[in-house]
C-alpha atoms as a PDB file:
ATOM      1  CA  MET A   1       0.718  19.420 -24.388  1.00  0.00           C
ATOM      2  CA  SER A   2       0.175  17.410 -21.217  1.00  0.00           C
ATOM      3  CA  MET A   3       2.580  15.029 -19.152  1.00  0.00           C
ATOM      4  CA  THR A   4       2.534  11.281 -19.701  1.00  0.00           C
ATOM      5  CA  SER A   5       1.505   9.405 -16.871  1.00  0.00           C
ATOM      6  CA  ARG A   6       5.239   8.557 -15.893  1.00  0.00           C
ATOM      7  CA  GLU A   7       5.968  12.145 -16.437  1.00  0.00           C
ATOM      8  CA  ARG A   8       3.273  13.246 -14.199  1.00  0.00           C
ATOM      9  CA  VAL A   9       4.204  10.673 -11.450  1.00  0.00           C
ATOM     10  CA  GLN A  10       8.273  11.135 -11.670  1.00  0.00           C
ATOM     11  CA  ALA A  11       7.664  14.998 -11.794  1.00  0.00           C
ATOM     12  CA  ALA A  12       5.485  14.545  -8.590  1.00  0.00           C
ATOM     13  CA  LEU A  13       8.202  12.620  -6.704  1.00  0.00           C
ATOM     14  CA  ARG A  14      10.880  15.121  -7.544  1.00  0.00           C
ATOM     15  CA  GLY A  15       8.667  18.459  -6.318  1.00  0.00           C
ATOM     16  CA  ASP A  16       8.665  19.689 -10.301  1.00  0.00           C
ATOM     17  CA  ALA A  17       6.091  21.602 -11.955  1.00  0.00           C
ATOM     18  CA  VAL A  18       2.947  19.144 -12.870  1.00  0.00           C
ATOM     19  CA  ASP A  19      -0.048  19.592 -15.538  1.00  0.00           C
ATOM     20  CA  ARG A  20      -2.043  18.384 -12.853  1.00  0.00           C
ATOM     21  CA  PRO A  21      -1.494  16.075  -9.765  1.00  0.00           C
ATOM     22  CA  PRO A  22      -1.353  12.505 -10.273  1.00  0.00           C
ATOM     23  CA  VAL A  23      -4.399  10.513  -8.999  1.00  0.00           C
ATOM     24  CA  SER A  24      -4.898   6.529  -8.589  1.00  0.00           C
ATOM     25  CA  PHE A  25      -7.337   4.566  -6.548  1.00  0.00           C
ATOM     26  CA  TRP A  26      -7.323   0.818  -5.418  1.00  0.00           C
ATOM     27  CA  GLY A  27      -9.199  -1.905  -3.577  1.00  0.00           C
ATOM     28  CA  HIS A  28      -9.499  -5.718  -3.237  1.00  0.00           C
ATOM     29  CA  PHE A  29     -11.440  -7.622  -5.638  1.00  0.00           C
ATOM     30  CA  TYR A  30     -12.735 -10.472  -3.256  1.00  0.00           C
ATOM     31  CA  GLU A  31     -13.979 -12.902  -5.929  1.00  0.00           C
ATOM     32  CA  ARG A  32     -10.937 -12.247  -8.084  1.00  0.00           C
ATOM     33  CA  GLU A  33      -7.700 -12.298  -6.022  1.00  0.00           C
ATOM     34  CA  SER A  34      -7.068 -15.639  -5.675  1.00  0.00           C
ATOM     35  CA  THR A  35      -5.179 -16.699  -8.795  1.00  0.00           C
ATOM     36  CA  ALA A  36      -2.287 -13.841 -10.798  1.00  0.00           C
ATOM     37  CA  ARG A  37      -4.600 -14.019 -13.890  1.00  0.00           C
ATOM     38  CA  GLU A  38      -7.991 -12.872 -12.175  1.00  0.00           C
ATOM     39  CA  LEU A  39      -6.438 -10.326 -10.026  1.00  0.00           C
ATOM     40  CA  VAL A  40      -4.713  -8.865 -13.243  1.00  0.00           C
ATOM     41  CA  ASP A  41      -7.582  -9.188 -15.410  1.00  0.00           C
ATOM     42  CA  ALA A  42      -9.826  -7.239 -12.345  1.00  0.00           C
ATOM     43  CA  THR A  43      -7.092  -5.188 -12.063  1.00  0.00           C
ATOM     44  CA  LEU A  44      -6.829  -4.102 -15.928  1.00  0.00           C
ATOM     45  CA  GLY A  45     -10.699  -3.760 -16.003  1.00  0.00           C
ATOM     46  CA  ALA A  46     -10.617  -1.157 -13.332  1.00  0.00           C
ATOM     47  CA  GLN A  47      -7.514   0.744 -15.376  1.00  0.00           C
ATOM     48  CA  ARG A  48     -10.004   0.825 -18.450  1.00  0.00           C
ATOM     49  CA  GLN A  49     -12.813   2.442 -16.698  1.00  0.00           C
ATOM     50  CA  TYR A  50     -10.741   4.782 -14.861  1.00  0.00           C
ATOM     51  CA  ASP A  51      -7.221   5.337 -16.527  1.00  0.00           C
ATOM     52  CA  TRP A  52      -5.152   6.088 -13.408  1.00  0.00           C
ATOM     53  CA  ASP A  53      -1.655   7.551 -13.268  1.00  0.00           C
ATOM     54  CA  TRP A  54      -0.499   4.746 -12.043  1.00  0.00           C
ATOM     55  CA  VAL A  55      -1.575   1.036 -10.716  1.00  0.00           C
ATOM     56  CA  LYS A  56      -1.309  -0.215  -7.406  1.00  0.00           C
ATOM     57  CA  LEU A  57      -1.467  -4.312  -7.711  1.00  0.00           C
ATOM     58  CA  ASN A  58      -3.900  -5.039  -4.528  1.00  0.00           C
ATOM     59  CA  PRO A  59      -3.299  -8.671  -3.676  1.00  0.00           C
ATOM     60  CA  ARG A  60      -5.420 -10.756  -1.230  1.00  0.00           C
ATOM     61  CA  ARG A  61      -3.514  -9.684   2.091  1.00  0.00           C
ATOM     62  CA  GLN A  62      -3.311 -13.434   3.608  1.00  0.00           C
ATOM     63  CA  TYR A  63      -0.708 -13.793   0.588  1.00  0.00           C
ATOM     64  CA  HIS A  64       1.956 -12.952   2.439  1.00  0.00           C
ATOM     65  CA  ALA A  65       1.545 -15.508   5.294  1.00  0.00           C
ATOM     66  CA  GLU A  66       0.224 -18.159   3.180  1.00  0.00           C
ATOM     67  CA  PRO A  67       3.763 -19.970   2.895  1.00  0.00           C
ATOM     68  CA  TRP A  68       3.613 -20.541   6.515  1.00  0.00           C
ATOM     69  CA  GLY A  69      -0.188 -21.978   6.589  1.00  0.00           C
ATOM     70  CA  VAL A  70      -2.619 -19.193   6.693  1.00  0.00           C
ATOM     71  CA  ARG A  71      -5.565 -20.321   4.680  1.00  0.00           C
ATOM     72  CA  TRP A  72      -8.823 -17.884   4.220  1.00  0.00           C
ATOM     73  CA  ARG A  73     -12.451 -19.058   3.211  1.00  0.00           C
ATOM     74  CA  TYR A  74     -13.749 -16.956  -0.103  1.00  0.00           C
ATOM     75  CA  THR A  75     -17.866 -16.894  -0.056  1.00  0.00           C
ATOM     76  CA  GLY A  76     -17.450 -15.907  -3.884  1.00  0.00           C
ATOM     77  CA  LYS A  77     -19.550 -12.801  -3.365  1.00  0.00           C
ATOM     78  CA  PRO A  78     -17.468  -9.430  -4.345  1.00  0.00           C
ATOM     79  CA  ALA A  79     -18.626  -7.549  -1.522  1.00  0.00           C
ATOM     80  CA  GLU A  80     -17.637 -10.164   0.897  1.00  0.00           C
ATOM     81  CA  LYS A  81     -14.383 -10.347   2.896  1.00  0.00           C
ATOM     82  CA  PRO A  82     -12.826 -13.477   3.118  1.00  0.00           C
ATOM     83  CA  VAL A  83     -12.971 -15.442   6.909  1.00  0.00           C
ATOM     84  CA  ILE A  84      -9.457 -16.835   8.011  1.00  0.00           C
ATOM     85  CA  GLU A  85      -9.696 -20.728   8.739  1.00  0.00           C
ATOM     86  CA  GLU A  86      -6.050 -21.685   9.339  1.00  0.00           C
ATOM     87  CA  TRP A  87      -3.207 -20.043  11.525  1.00  0.00           C
ATOM     88  CA  PRO A  88      -0.205 -21.067  12.459  1.00  0.00           C
ATOM     89  CA  ILE A  89       0.319 -19.733  15.840  1.00  0.00           C
ATOM     90  CA  HIS A  90      -2.133 -20.938  18.545  1.00  0.00           C
ATOM     91  CA  GLY A  91       0.840 -20.352  21.400  1.00  0.00           C
ATOM     92  CA  PRO A  92       4.222 -18.809  21.735  1.00  0.00           C
ATOM     93  CA  ASP A  93       5.970 -21.806  21.351  1.00  0.00           C
ATOM     94  CA  ASP A  94       4.397 -22.397  17.484  1.00  0.00           C
ATOM     95  CA  TRP A  95       6.788 -19.704  16.437  1.00  0.00           C
ATOM     96  CA  ALA A  96       9.637 -21.750  16.643  1.00  0.00           C
ATOM     97  CA  ALA A  97       8.100 -23.634  13.314  1.00  0.00           C
ATOM     98  CA  ILE A  98       8.510 -20.115  11.404  1.00  0.00           C
ATOM     99  CA  THR A  99      11.084 -20.795   9.524  1.00  0.00           C
ATOM    100  CA  PRO A 100      12.414 -19.076   6.011  1.00  0.00           C
ATOM    101  CA  ARG A 101      10.678 -20.030   2.734  1.00  0.00           C
ATOM    102  CA  PRO A 102      11.729 -19.718  -0.704  1.00  0.00           C
ATOM    103  CA  TYR A 103      10.648 -16.772  -1.887  1.00  0.00           C
ATOM    104  CA  ASP A 104       9.714 -17.913  -5.667  1.00  0.00           C
ATOM    105  CA  ARG A 105       7.403 -20.798  -4.649  1.00  0.00           C
ATOM    106  CA  GLY A 106       3.692 -21.182  -4.098  1.00  0.00           C
ATOM    107  CA  ALA A 107       2.096 -17.588  -3.359  1.00  0.00           C
ATOM    108  CA  PHE A 108       5.083 -15.596  -3.527  1.00  0.00           C
ATOM    109  CA  ALA A 109       5.696 -16.962  -7.426  1.00  0.00           C
ATOM    110  CA  GLU A 110       1.803 -16.340  -8.194  1.00  0.00           C
ATOM    111  CA  GLN A 111       2.498 -12.375  -6.840  1.00  0.00           C
ATOM    112  CA  ILE A 112       5.870 -12.378  -9.065  1.00  0.00           C
ATOM    113  CA  GLU A 113       3.743 -13.684 -11.939  1.00  0.00           C
ATOM    114  CA  ALA A 114       1.080 -11.120 -11.288  1.00  0.00           C
ATOM    115  CA  VAL A 115       3.534  -8.104 -11.686  1.00  0.00           C
ATOM    116  CA  ARG A 116       4.848  -9.869 -14.785  1.00  0.00           C
ATOM    117  CA  LEU A 117       1.072 -10.572 -16.072  1.00  0.00           C
ATOM    118  CA  LEU A 118       0.199  -6.620 -15.583  1.00  0.00           C
ATOM    119  CA  ARG A 119       3.428  -5.009 -16.856  1.00  0.00           C
ATOM    120  CA  ALA A 120       2.446  -6.978 -20.059  1.00  0.00           C
ATOM    121  CA  GLY A 121      -1.248  -5.565 -20.195  1.00  0.00           C
ATOM    122  CA  LEU A 122      -0.817  -1.974 -19.075  1.00  0.00           C
ATOM    123  CA  PRO A 123       0.750   1.072 -21.933  1.00  0.00           C
ATOM    124  CA  ALA A 124       4.616   1.432 -20.930  1.00  0.00           C
ATOM    125  CA  GLU A 125       3.769   4.765 -19.543  1.00  0.00           C
ATOM    126  CA  VAL A 126       1.817   3.631 -16.326  1.00  0.00           C
ATOM    127  CA  PRO A 127       3.774   2.872 -13.307  1.00  0.00           C
ATOM    128  CA  ILE A 128       3.075  -0.231 -11.358  1.00  0.00           C
ATOM    129  CA  LEU A 129       3.602  -0.810  -7.526  1.00  0.00           C
ATOM    130  CA  GLN A 130       3.313  -4.024  -5.754  1.00  0.00           C
ATOM    131  CA  THR A 131       2.001  -4.560  -2.790  1.00  0.00           C
ATOM    132  CA  LEU A 132       4.690  -6.229   0.374  1.00  0.00           C
ATOM    133  CA  PHE A 133       3.816  -6.005   4.209  1.00  0.00           C
ATOM    134  CA  SER A 134       6.169  -4.888   6.753  1.00  0.00           C
ATOM    135  CA  PRO A 135       7.701  -8.572   8.649  1.00  0.00           C
ATOM    136  CA  LEU A 136       6.178  -7.656  11.509  1.00  0.00           C
ATOM    137  CA  ALA A 137       2.684  -7.132   9.548  1.00  0.00           C
ATOM    138  CA  VAL A 138       3.550 -11.125   8.305  1.00  0.00           C
ATOM    139  CA  LEU A 139       3.476 -11.752  11.512  1.00  0.00           C
ATOM    140  CA  ARG A 140       0.254 -10.155  12.418  1.00  0.00           C
ATOM    141  CA  GLU A 141      -1.610 -12.769   9.313  1.00  0.00           C
ATOM    142  CA  MET A 142      -0.387 -15.765  11.236  1.00  0.00           C
ATOM    143  CA  VAL A 143      -2.521 -15.392  14.566  1.00  0.00           C
ATOM    144  CA  ARG A 144      -6.645 -15.503  15.112  1.00  0.00           C
ATOM    145  CA  GLU A 145      -6.369 -11.837  16.683  1.00  0.00           C
ATOM    146  CA  PRO A 146      -3.403  -9.215  16.247  1.00  0.00           C
ATOM    147  CA  ALA A 147      -3.286  -8.612  20.235  1.00  0.00           C
ATOM    148  CA  GLU A 148      -1.705 -11.806  20.330  1.00  0.00           C
ATOM    149  CA  VAL A 149       1.566 -10.540  18.487  1.00  0.00           C
ATOM    150  CA  ARG A 150       1.815  -7.963  20.692  1.00  0.00           C
ATOM    151  CA  SER A 151       1.166 -10.392  23.586  1.00  0.00           C
ATOM    152  CA  HIS A 152       3.771 -12.394  22.701  1.00  0.00           C
ATOM    153  CA  LEU A 153       6.310  -9.835  21.814  1.00  0.00           C
ATOM    154  CA  ARG A 154       6.239  -8.762  25.592  1.00  0.00           C
ATOM    155  CA  SER A 155       6.118 -11.954  26.969  1.00  0.00           C
ATOM    156  CA  HIS A 156       8.552 -14.116  24.341  1.00  0.00           C
ATOM    157  CA  PRO A 157      10.632 -11.551  22.617  1.00  0.00           C
ATOM    158  CA  ASP A 158      13.440 -14.090  21.795  1.00  0.00           C
ATOM    159  CA  ARG A 159      10.829 -16.616  20.029  1.00  0.00           C
ATOM    160  CA  VAL A 160       8.973 -13.808  17.911  1.00  0.00           C
ATOM    161  CA  ARG A 161      12.718 -12.354  17.030  1.00  0.00           C
ATOM    162  CA  GLY A 162      13.397 -15.685  15.474  1.00  0.00           C
ATOM    163  CA  ALA A 163      10.219 -15.506  13.320  1.00  0.00           C
ATOM    164  CA  LEU A 164      10.819 -11.657  12.446  1.00  0.00           C
ATOM    165  CA  GLU A 165      14.241 -13.013  10.975  1.00  0.00           C
ATOM    166  CA  ALA A 166      12.654 -16.115   9.405  1.00  0.00           C
ATOM    167  CA  VAL A 167      10.288 -13.922   7.448  1.00  0.00           C
ATOM    168  CA  THR A 168      12.657 -10.684   6.826  1.00  0.00           C
ATOM    169  CA  ALA A 169      14.967 -13.259   5.233  1.00  0.00           C
ATOM    170  CA  THR A 170      11.745 -14.368   2.912  1.00  0.00           C
ATOM    171  CA  LEU A 171      10.515 -10.983   1.853  1.00  0.00           C
ATOM    172  CA  THR A 172      14.051  -9.186   1.247  1.00  0.00           C
ATOM    173  CA  PRO A 173      14.501 -11.426  -2.172  1.00  0.00           C
ATOM    174  CA  LEU A 174      11.082 -10.952  -3.125  1.00  0.00           C
ATOM    175  CA  ALA A 175      11.091  -7.597  -2.976  1.00  0.00           C
ATOM    176  CA  ARG A 176      13.877  -7.514  -5.596  1.00  0.00           C
ATOM    177  CA  ALA A 177      11.915 -10.262  -7.291  1.00  0.00           C
ATOM    178  CA  PHE A 178       8.873  -7.749  -7.730  1.00  0.00           C
ATOM    179  CA  LEU A 179      11.023  -5.027  -9.341  1.00  0.00           C
ATOM    180  CA  ASP A 180      12.915  -7.593 -11.713  1.00  0.00           C
ATOM    181  CA  ALA A 181       9.035  -8.804 -12.747  1.00  0.00           C
ATOM    182  CA  GLY A 182       8.322  -5.491 -14.154  1.00  0.00           C
ATOM    183  CA  ALA A 183       7.137  -3.336 -10.820  1.00  0.00           C
ATOM    184  CA  ASP A 184       8.226   0.401 -10.745  1.00  0.00           C
ATOM    185  CA  GLY A 185       8.071   0.305  -7.048  1.00  0.00           C
ATOM    186  CA  ILE A 186       7.118  -1.464  -3.400  1.00  0.00           C
ATOM    187  CA  TYR A 187       4.306  -0.102  -1.269  1.00  0.00           C
ATOM    188  CA  PHE A 188       5.383  -1.103   1.572  1.00  0.00           C
ATOM    189  CA  ALA A 189       2.465  -1.429   3.994  1.00  0.00           C
ATOM    190  CA  THR A 190       3.273  -1.286   7.785  1.00  0.00           C
ATOM    191  CA  VAL A 191      -0.994  -2.282   8.461  1.00  0.00           C
ATOM    192  CA  ASP A 192      -1.565  -2.280  11.805  1.00  0.00           C
ATOM    193  CA  TRP A 193       1.777  -2.034  13.616  1.00  0.00           C
ATOM    194  CA  ALA A 194       3.270   1.999  13.047  1.00  0.00           C
ATOM    195  CA  SER A 195      -0.192   3.326  15.261  1.00  0.00           C
ATOM    196  CA  LEU A 196       0.182   4.044  19.142  1.00  0.00           C
ATOM    197  CA  ASP A 197      -3.429   2.106  19.322  1.00  0.00           C
ATOM    198  CA  MET A 198      -1.250  -1.067  18.911  1.00  0.00           C
ATOM    199  CA  LEU A 199       2.919   0.013  19.687  1.00  0.00           C
ATOM    200  CA  THR A 200       4.635   2.638  21.175  1.00  0.00           C
ATOM    201  CA  ALA A 201       6.877   4.209  18.891  1.00  0.00           C
ATOM    202  CA  GLU A 202       9.855   2.742  21.277  1.00  0.00           C
ATOM    203  CA  GLU A 203       8.443  -0.985  20.286  1.00  0.00           C
ATOM    204  CA  TYR A 204       8.187  -0.263  16.944  1.00  0.00           C
ATOM    205  CA  ARG A 205      11.931   1.008  16.705  1.00  0.00           C
ATOM    206  CA  LEU A 206      12.954  -2.381  18.278  1.00  0.00           C
ATOM    207  CA  TRP A 207      10.482  -4.877  16.529  1.00  0.00           C
ATOM    208  CA  GLY A 208       9.527  -2.888  13.211  1.00  0.00           C
ATOM    209  CA  ARG A 209      12.377  -0.283  11.764  1.00  0.00           C
ATOM    210  CA  PRO A 210      15.200  -3.080  11.766  1.00  0.00           C
ATOM    211  CA  TYR A 211      13.084  -5.593   9.519  1.00  0.00           C
ATOM    212  CA  ASP A 212      11.796  -2.983   7.470  1.00  0.00           C
ATOM    213  CA  LEU A 213      14.605  -1.345   6.491  1.00  0.00           C
ATOM    214  CA  ARG A 214      16.373  -4.440   5.493  1.00  0.00           C
ATOM    215  CA  VAL A 215      13.129  -5.399   3.251  1.00  0.00           C
ATOM    216  CA  LEU A 216      13.411  -1.894   1.926  1.00  0.00           C
ATOM    217  CA  ALA A 217      17.468  -2.071   1.317  1.00  0.00           C
ATOM    218  CA  ALA A 218      16.428  -4.231  -1.411  1.00  0.00           C
ATOM    219  CA  ALA A 219      14.458  -2.186  -3.304  1.00  0.00           C
ATOM    220  CA  ARG A 220      16.791   0.363  -3.185  1.00  0.00           C
ATOM    221  CA  GLY A 221      17.377   1.882  -6.834  1.00  0.00           C
ATOM    222  CA  ALA A 222      13.411   1.846  -7.647  1.00  0.00           C
ATOM    223  CA  TRP A 223      12.153   5.308  -8.296  1.00  0.00           C
ATOM    224  CA  PHE A 224       8.748   4.575  -7.071  1.00  0.00           C
ATOM    225  CA  ASN A 225       9.234   2.985  -3.681  1.00  0.00           C
ATOM    226  CA  VAL A 226       6.291   3.891  -1.292  1.00  0.00           C
ATOM    227  CA  LEU A 227       5.873   3.459   2.619  1.00  0.00           C
ATOM    228  CA  HIS A 228       2.086   3.163   3.665  1.00  0.00           C
ATOM    229  CA  VAL A 229       1.605   3.785   7.246  1.00  0.00           C
ATOM    230  CA  CYS A 230      -1.807   2.962   8.448  1.00  0.00           C
ATOM    231  CA  LYS A 231      -4.566   3.600  10.796  1.00  0.00           C
ATOM    232  CA  ARG A 232      -4.868   6.175  13.063  1.00  0.00           C
ATOM    233  CA  ARG A 233      -2.887   8.024  15.703  1.00  0.00           C
ATOM    234  CA  ASN A 234       0.174   6.572  13.564  1.00  0.00           C
ATOM    235  CA  LEU A 235       3.947   6.414  13.447  1.00  0.00           C
ATOM    236  CA  LEU A 236       4.454   8.477  10.291  1.00  0.00           C
ATOM    237  CA  PHE A 237       6.965  10.922  11.478  1.00  0.00           C
ATOM    238  CA  GLU A 238       8.869   8.398  13.505  1.00  0.00           C
ATOM    239  CA  LEU A 239       9.546   6.635   9.971  1.00  0.00           C
ATOM    240  CA  ARG A 240      10.777   9.830   7.820  1.00  0.00           C
ATOM    241  CA  ASP A 241      13.878   8.698   7.314  1.00  0.00           C
ATOM    242  CA  TYR A 242      12.975   5.549   5.614  1.00  0.00           C
ATOM    243  CA  PRO A 243      14.321   5.400   1.846  1.00  0.00           C
ATOM    244  CA  VAL A 244      11.033   5.810   0.259  1.00  0.00           C
ATOM    245  CA  ALA A 245       9.825   8.262  -2.376  1.00  0.00           C
ATOM    246  CA  ALA A 246       6.461   8.906  -1.054  1.00  0.00           C
ATOM    247  CA  PHE A 247       4.501   8.493   1.950  1.00  0.00           C
ATOM    248  CA  SER A 248       1.155   7.079   2.063  1.00  0.00           C
ATOM    249  CA  TRP A 249      -1.455   7.364   4.905  1.00  0.00           C
ATOM    250  CA  ALA A 250      -4.782   8.426   6.074  1.00  0.00           C
ATOM    251  CA  ALA A 251      -4.296  12.455   6.069  1.00  0.00           C
ATOM    252  CA  THR A 252      -7.648  13.165   6.191  1.00  0.00           C
ATOM    253  CA  ASP A 253      -8.142  11.660   9.752  1.00  0.00           C
ATOM    254  CA  PRO A 254      -8.123  14.194  12.714  1.00  0.00           C
ATOM    255  CA  LEU A 255      -6.092  11.877  14.877  1.00  0.00           C
ATOM    256  CA  ASN A 256      -3.326  11.768  11.746  1.00  0.00           C
ATOM    257  CA  PRO A 257      -0.826  14.389  10.027  1.00  0.00           C
ATOM    258  CA  THR A 258      -2.317  16.540   7.660  1.00  0.00           C
ATOM    259  CA  LEU A 259      -0.787  16.431   3.783  1.00  0.00           C
ATOM    260  CA  ALA A 260       0.431  20.062   4.968  1.00  0.00           C
ATOM    261  CA  ASP A 261       1.964  18.309   7.869  1.00  0.00           C
ATOM    262  CA  GLY A 262       3.649  15.635   5.840  1.00  0.00           C
ATOM    263  CA  LEU A 263       4.806  18.199   3.085  1.00  0.00           C
ATOM    264  CA  ARG A 264       6.584  20.031   5.997  1.00  0.00           C
ATOM    265  CA  GLU A 265       8.112  17.238   7.825  1.00  0.00           C
ATOM    266  CA  LEU A 266       8.916  14.586   5.204  1.00  0.00           C
ATOM    267  CA  LYS A 267      11.342  14.577   2.401  1.00  0.00           C
ATOM    268  CA  GLY A 268       9.476  12.486  -0.137  1.00  0.00           C
ATOM    269  CA  ALA A 269       6.019  13.323  -2.077  1.00  0.00           C
ATOM    270  CA  VAL A 270       2.995  12.810   0.130  1.00  0.00           C
ATOM    271  CA  MET A 271       0.254  10.341  -1.340  1.00  0.00           C
ATOM    272  CA  GLY A 272      -3.680  10.341   0.108  1.00  0.00           C
ATOM    273  CA  GLY A 273      -5.765  12.974   0.801  1.00  0.00           C
ATOM    274  CA  ILE A 274      -9.054  11.084   0.107  1.00  0.00           C
ATOM    275  CA  THR A 275     -10.951   9.402   2.753  1.00  0.00           C
ATOM    276  CA  HIS A 276     -11.610   5.741   1.619  1.00  0.00           C
ATOM    277  CA  ASP A 277     -13.620   4.125   4.304  1.00  0.00           C
ATOM    278  CA  GLU A 278     -16.390   6.681   3.553  1.00  0.00           C
ATOM    279  CA  LEU A 279     -16.397   6.222  -0.003  1.00  0.00           C
ATOM    280  CA  ALA A 280     -18.697   3.283   0.118  1.00  0.00           C
ATOM    281  CA  THR A 281     -21.332   5.007   2.367  1.00  0.00           C
ATOM    282  CA  ARG A 282     -21.726   8.762   1.747  1.00  0.00           C
ATOM    283  CA  PRO A 283     -24.101   9.179  -1.158  1.00  0.00           C
ATOM    284  CA  ASP A 284     -22.732  12.688  -2.529  1.00  0.00           C
ATOM    285  CA  PRO A 285     -19.674  12.625  -4.583  1.00  0.00           C
ATOM    286  CA  GLU A 286     -19.149  15.907  -4.147  1.00  0.00           C
ATOM    287  CA  PHE A 287     -17.356  15.763  -0.385  1.00  0.00           C
ATOM    288  CA  PHE A 288     -14.524  13.382  -2.099  1.00  0.00           C
ATOM    289  CA  VAL A 289     -14.382  16.325  -4.746  1.00  0.00           C
ATOM    290  CA  SER A 290     -14.257  18.503  -1.811  1.00  0.00           C
ATOM    291  CA  GLU A 291     -11.236  16.894  -0.127  1.00  0.00           C
ATOM    292  CA  TYR A 292      -9.278  17.208  -3.530  1.00  0.00           C
ATOM    293  CA  GLN A 293     -10.190  20.949  -3.378  1.00  0.00           C
ATOM    294  CA  ARG A 294      -8.857  21.269   0.381  1.00  0.00           C
ATOM    295  CA  GLY A 295      -5.511  18.674  -0.482  1.00  0.00           C
ATOM    296  CA  LEU A 296      -4.546  21.175  -3.480  1.00  0.00           C
ATOM    297  CA  GLU A 297      -5.112  24.156  -1.489  1.00  0.00           C
ATOM    298  CA  GLN A 298      -2.757  22.426   1.289  1.00  0.00           C
ATOM    299  CA  THR A 299       0.181  21.120  -0.972  1.00  0.00           C
ATOM    300  CA  GLY A 300      -0.512  24.019  -4.428  1.00  0.00           C
ATOM    301  CA  GLY A 301      -0.498  20.220  -6.411  1.00  0.00           C
ATOM    302  CA  ARG A 302       3.249  19.892  -5.822  1.00  0.00           C
ATOM    303  CA  ARG A 303       4.893  16.813  -4.302  1.00  0.00           C
ATOM    304  CA  TRP A 304       1.075  15.008  -3.632  1.00  0.00           C
ATOM    305  CA  LEU A 305      -0.550  12.111  -5.519  1.00  0.00           C
ATOM    306  CA  VAL A 306      -3.877  12.365  -5.037  1.00  0.00           C
ATOM    307  CA  ALA A 307      -5.262   8.716  -3.503  1.00  0.00           C
ATOM    308  CA  PRO A 308      -6.990   7.080  -0.916  1.00  0.00           C
ATOM    309  CA  GLY A 309      -6.036   6.651   2.543  1.00  0.00           C
ATOM    310  CA  CYS A 310      -5.996   3.335   2.276  1.00  0.00           C
ATOM    311  CA  SER A 311      -7.629   0.364   0.320  1.00  0.00           C
ATOM    312  CA  ILE A 312     -11.343   1.577  -0.679  1.00  0.00           C
ATOM    313  CA  PRO A 313     -14.679  -0.786  -0.318  1.00  0.00           C
ATOM    314  CA  PRO A 314     -15.674  -3.012  -3.017  1.00  0.00           C
ATOM    315  CA  THR A 315     -19.075  -1.249  -2.879  1.00  0.00           C
ATOM    316  CA  THR A 316     -17.520   2.039  -3.729  1.00  0.00           C
ATOM    317  CA  PRO A 317     -19.900   3.668  -6.399  1.00  0.00           C
ATOM    318  CA  SER A 318     -18.203   4.298  -9.567  1.00  0.00           C
ATOM    319  CA  GLY A 319     -20.004   7.882  -9.781  1.00  0.00           C
ATOM    320  CA  HIS A 320     -17.990   8.820  -6.578  1.00  0.00           C
ATOM    321  CA  LEU A 321     -14.331   7.299  -8.240  1.00  0.00           C
ATOM    322  CA  ARG A 322     -14.920   9.477 -11.512  1.00  0.00           C
ATOM    323  CA  ALA A 323     -15.999  12.685  -9.801  1.00  0.00           C
ATOM    324  CA  VAL A 324     -12.675  12.748  -8.431  1.00  0.00           C
ATOM    325  CA  LYS A 325     -10.822  11.800 -11.160  1.00  0.00           C
ATOM    326  CA  ASP A 326     -12.730  14.606 -13.270  1.00  0.00           C
ATOM    327  CA  ALA A 327     -11.888  17.284 -10.707  1.00  0.00           C
ATOM    328  CA  VAL A 328      -8.040  16.256 -11.005  1.00  0.00           C
ATOM    329  CA  GLU A 329      -8.115  16.418 -14.641  1.00  0.00           C
ATOM    330  CA  ALA A 330      -9.851  19.744 -14.533  1.00  0.00           C
ATOM    331  CA  THR A 331      -6.701  20.663 -12.680  1.00  0.00           C
ATOM    332  CA  ARG A 332      -4.277  22.858 -14.716  1.00  0.00           C
ATOM    333  CA  LEU A 333      -1.335  23.799 -12.946  1.00  0.00           C
ATOM    334  CA  ILE A 334       1.019  24.736 -15.946  1.00  0.00           C
ATOM    335  CA  PRO A 335      -0.457  26.813 -18.454  1.00  0.00           C
ATOM    336  CA  GLU A 336      -0.623  25.885 -21.402  1.00  0.00           C
ATOM    337  CA  ARG A 337       1.967  27.978 -22.898  1.00  0.00           C
ATOM    338  CA  SER A 338       4.589  26.939 -19.906  1.00  0.00           C
ATOM    339  CA  ARG A 339       4.481  23.022 -21.413  1.00  0.00           C
END
C-alpha cells in the first residue's frame, strides 16, 4: 500500500523510509495573484493537474511590503512580471516612517484568507506551506534597487535597524496567523540576502539572523517549517541551526552546496534538486529527469523532498513537470511486501 502525501512528507522530514520521494513545484500566476480567491483558484488548478505531495502557496512577492506603501503594476499577461511604481524609501531618512503595521489588515489579511481558502479546497492529506519573507528581505521590497538597502545598512545602521524592528514586530504574529489559518508550516525565504553576492557572513549574522529567529520562533511547533536560502554563493551552512524541518536552496548551482553536502551538514531534510531557471528554456524534459536521478543517487531517497531550486517560470512547459513527476512516481524505495 502506498503512502498518502502527508505520510510521505512527514516520513521524509524525519528521515524515515518512503515509498518514493515527495515532490512539488510552484511558481507565480502573474495574472491571477492580486486577490486571495484568484491566487487560490490558480493554485488549486495546478494541483488538480499535477497532484503534488505538498502545496506551497506562492503569493505576489511584494505583498510583504504593501502595508508600507509599495505598489506594483501588472499588465494582465501571464508571463509578464509586474513593475514597481511606488516605494517608500528614497533616502536614509525615510526609514523612520517604517513603523509596525497590523498583521491582520490589508495584504496580510488577504494572505491569511488565502491560506483558509486553500485549506478548504485541498484534501486534508495534502500539506500547505505559506510563503513569508525574512525581515531583511521585506526591507529590500521598499527600495528601487536592493543595493540601496545594503548601502544604508553601512551608512545609517541605526535608521535601518529601527525599520527592521518594525517589520519583525509585524511579521511575528503574521507567521502564527498563517498556521492558525491552516498552513502546516512557513516557507521562510531570505531572497537575495543570505548570499555572499549581497552580504558577508558577518553582516548577515548582524542584520539577518536575530530578526529571522524571532519570526521563526512564532512558528515553532509547526511540523513543516522550511528555510529557503535563495541565490548562488549562499550562506546555507551559516544558517544550519535555524529551527526548521527542511532546507531549500538551488542545489544544482555549482556555486552552492549539493544535496549530498546538505545531507552531511544539515540536521533537517533537504528540498530541491531541480534547476528552476532553465525549466522554460531547455526543450528536452529528460534534462530534468536526469537531475532527479542524480538527486536520487546523492540522497538514496531519504530526507529529500524533490523540488525546484526556487520559483519556476510561468512559461514552464507542462510536459517538463509531468516528466519529473512521472519519474518520481516510478521510483520504488520500499518493496511492496514491506509496506
